């Protein structure tokens, strides 16, 4: 799913969908949103609010680990150009 797909989805629908995603899906979603936030896009505030939702879900699943599982997942991903 692309960042644009995520941003076009209703916030409550997105939050509900986050609850049933696998960890890999959550991490891929966070990665897509992070990359999008680095672009010079007019929807930066909306992107950051979605990132906050994903962060909350990661923290809920991995209490006390402060995004470490996501950072570890990113290190394992092949470099993409």
Protein backbone atom coordinates (compact mmCIF):
# COMPACT_ATOMS: atom_id res chain seq x y z
CA UNK A 1 0.00 0.00 0.00
CA UNK A 2 1.35 3.41 -0.90
CA UNK A 3 1.40 6.46 1.35
CA UNK A 4 -1.20 8.11 -0.89
CA UNK A 5 -3.55 5.14 -0.39
CA UNK A 6 -3.06 5.43 3.37
CA UNK A 7 -3.67 9.17 3.36
CA UNK A 8 -6.85 8.84 1.29
CA UNK A 9 -8.32 6.34 3.74
CA UNK A 10 -10.50 7.63 6.58
CA UNK A 11 -8.64 8.02 9.87
CA UNK A 12 -10.95 5.72 11.82
CA UNK A 13 -10.80 3.07 9.07
CA UNK A 14 -7.01 3.30 9.04
CA UNK A 15 -6.80 3.01 12.84
CA UNK A 16 -9.08 -0.03 12.78
CA UNK A 17 -7.08 -1.66 10.01
CA UNK A 18 -3.83 -1.11 11.93
CA UNK A 19 -5.14 -3.32 14.73
CA UNK A 20 -5.36 -6.37 12.47
CA UNK A 21 -2.17 -5.86 10.42
CA UNK A 22 0.78 -8.16 10.89
CA UNK A 23 3.94 -6.65 12.33
CA UNK A 24 5.53 -6.67 8.87
CA UNK A 25 2.53 -4.80 7.45
CA UNK A 26 2.72 -2.25 10.26
CA UNK A 27 6.43 -1.72 9.67
CA UNK A 28 5.97 -1.43 5.88
CA UNK A 29 3.21 1.13 6.47
CA UNK A 30 5.49 3.14 8.74
CA UNK A 31 8.29 3.00 6.19
CA UNK A 32 6.02 4.22 3.38
CA UNK A 33 4.72 7.09 5.51
CA UNK A 34 8.24 8.08 6.61
CA UNK A 35 9.43 8.19 3.01
CA UNK A 36 6.39 10.23 2.02
CA UNK A 37 6.97 12.67 4.90
CA UNK A 38 10.42 13.42 3.51
CA UNK A 39 8.90 14.54 0.19
CA UNK A 40 7.90 18.12 -0.31
CA UNK A 41 4.21 17.30 -0.10
CA UNK A 42 1.29 19.50 0.82
CA UNK A 43 -0.15 16.76 3.04
CA UNK A 44 2.77 16.71 5.50
CA UNK A 45 0.60 17.32 8.60
CA UNK A 46 -1.76 14.49 7.65
CA UNK A 47 1.22 12.23 7.00
CA UNK A 48 2.69 13.02 10.41
CA UNK A 49 -0.63 12.31 12.11
CA UNK A 50 -0.79 8.88 10.42
CA UNK A 51 2.80 8.21 11.51
CA UNK A 52 1.74 8.97 15.09
CA UNK A 53 -1.08 6.39 14.80
CA UNK A 54 1.35 3.76 13.54
CA UNK A 55 3.82 4.60 16.32
CA UNK A 56 1.06 4.12 18.89
CA UNK A 57 0.23 0.71 17.43
CA UNK A 58 3.88 -0.36 17.46
CA UNK A 59 4.22 0.78 21.08
CA UNK A 60 1.01 -1.09 21.98
CA UNK A 61 2.37 -4.31 20.46
CA UNK A 62 5.89 -3.92 21.81
CA UNK A 63 5.50 -2.13 25.15
CA UNK A 64 8.62 -0.49 26.51
CA UNK A 65 10.67 -1.15 23.38
CA UNK A 66 10.34 2.38 21.97
CA UNK A 67 10.28 1.59 18.25
CA UNK A 68 13.25 -0.81 18.47
CA UNK A 69 11.38 -3.60 16.63
CA UNK A 70 10.71 -1.21 13.74
CA UNK A 71 14.31 -0.01 13.58
CA UNK A 72 15.51 -3.62 13.62
CA UNK A 73 13.06 -4.47 10.83
CA UNK A 74 14.36 -1.54 8.74
CA UNK A 75 17.94 -2.79 9.09
CA UNK A 76 16.90 -6.17 7.70
CA UNK A 77 15.27 -4.70 4.59
CA UNK A 78 17.25 -4.67 1.34
CA UNK A 79 18.39 -1.24 0.25
CA UNK A 80 16.11 0.20 -2.38
CA UNK A 81 17.01 2.97 -4.76
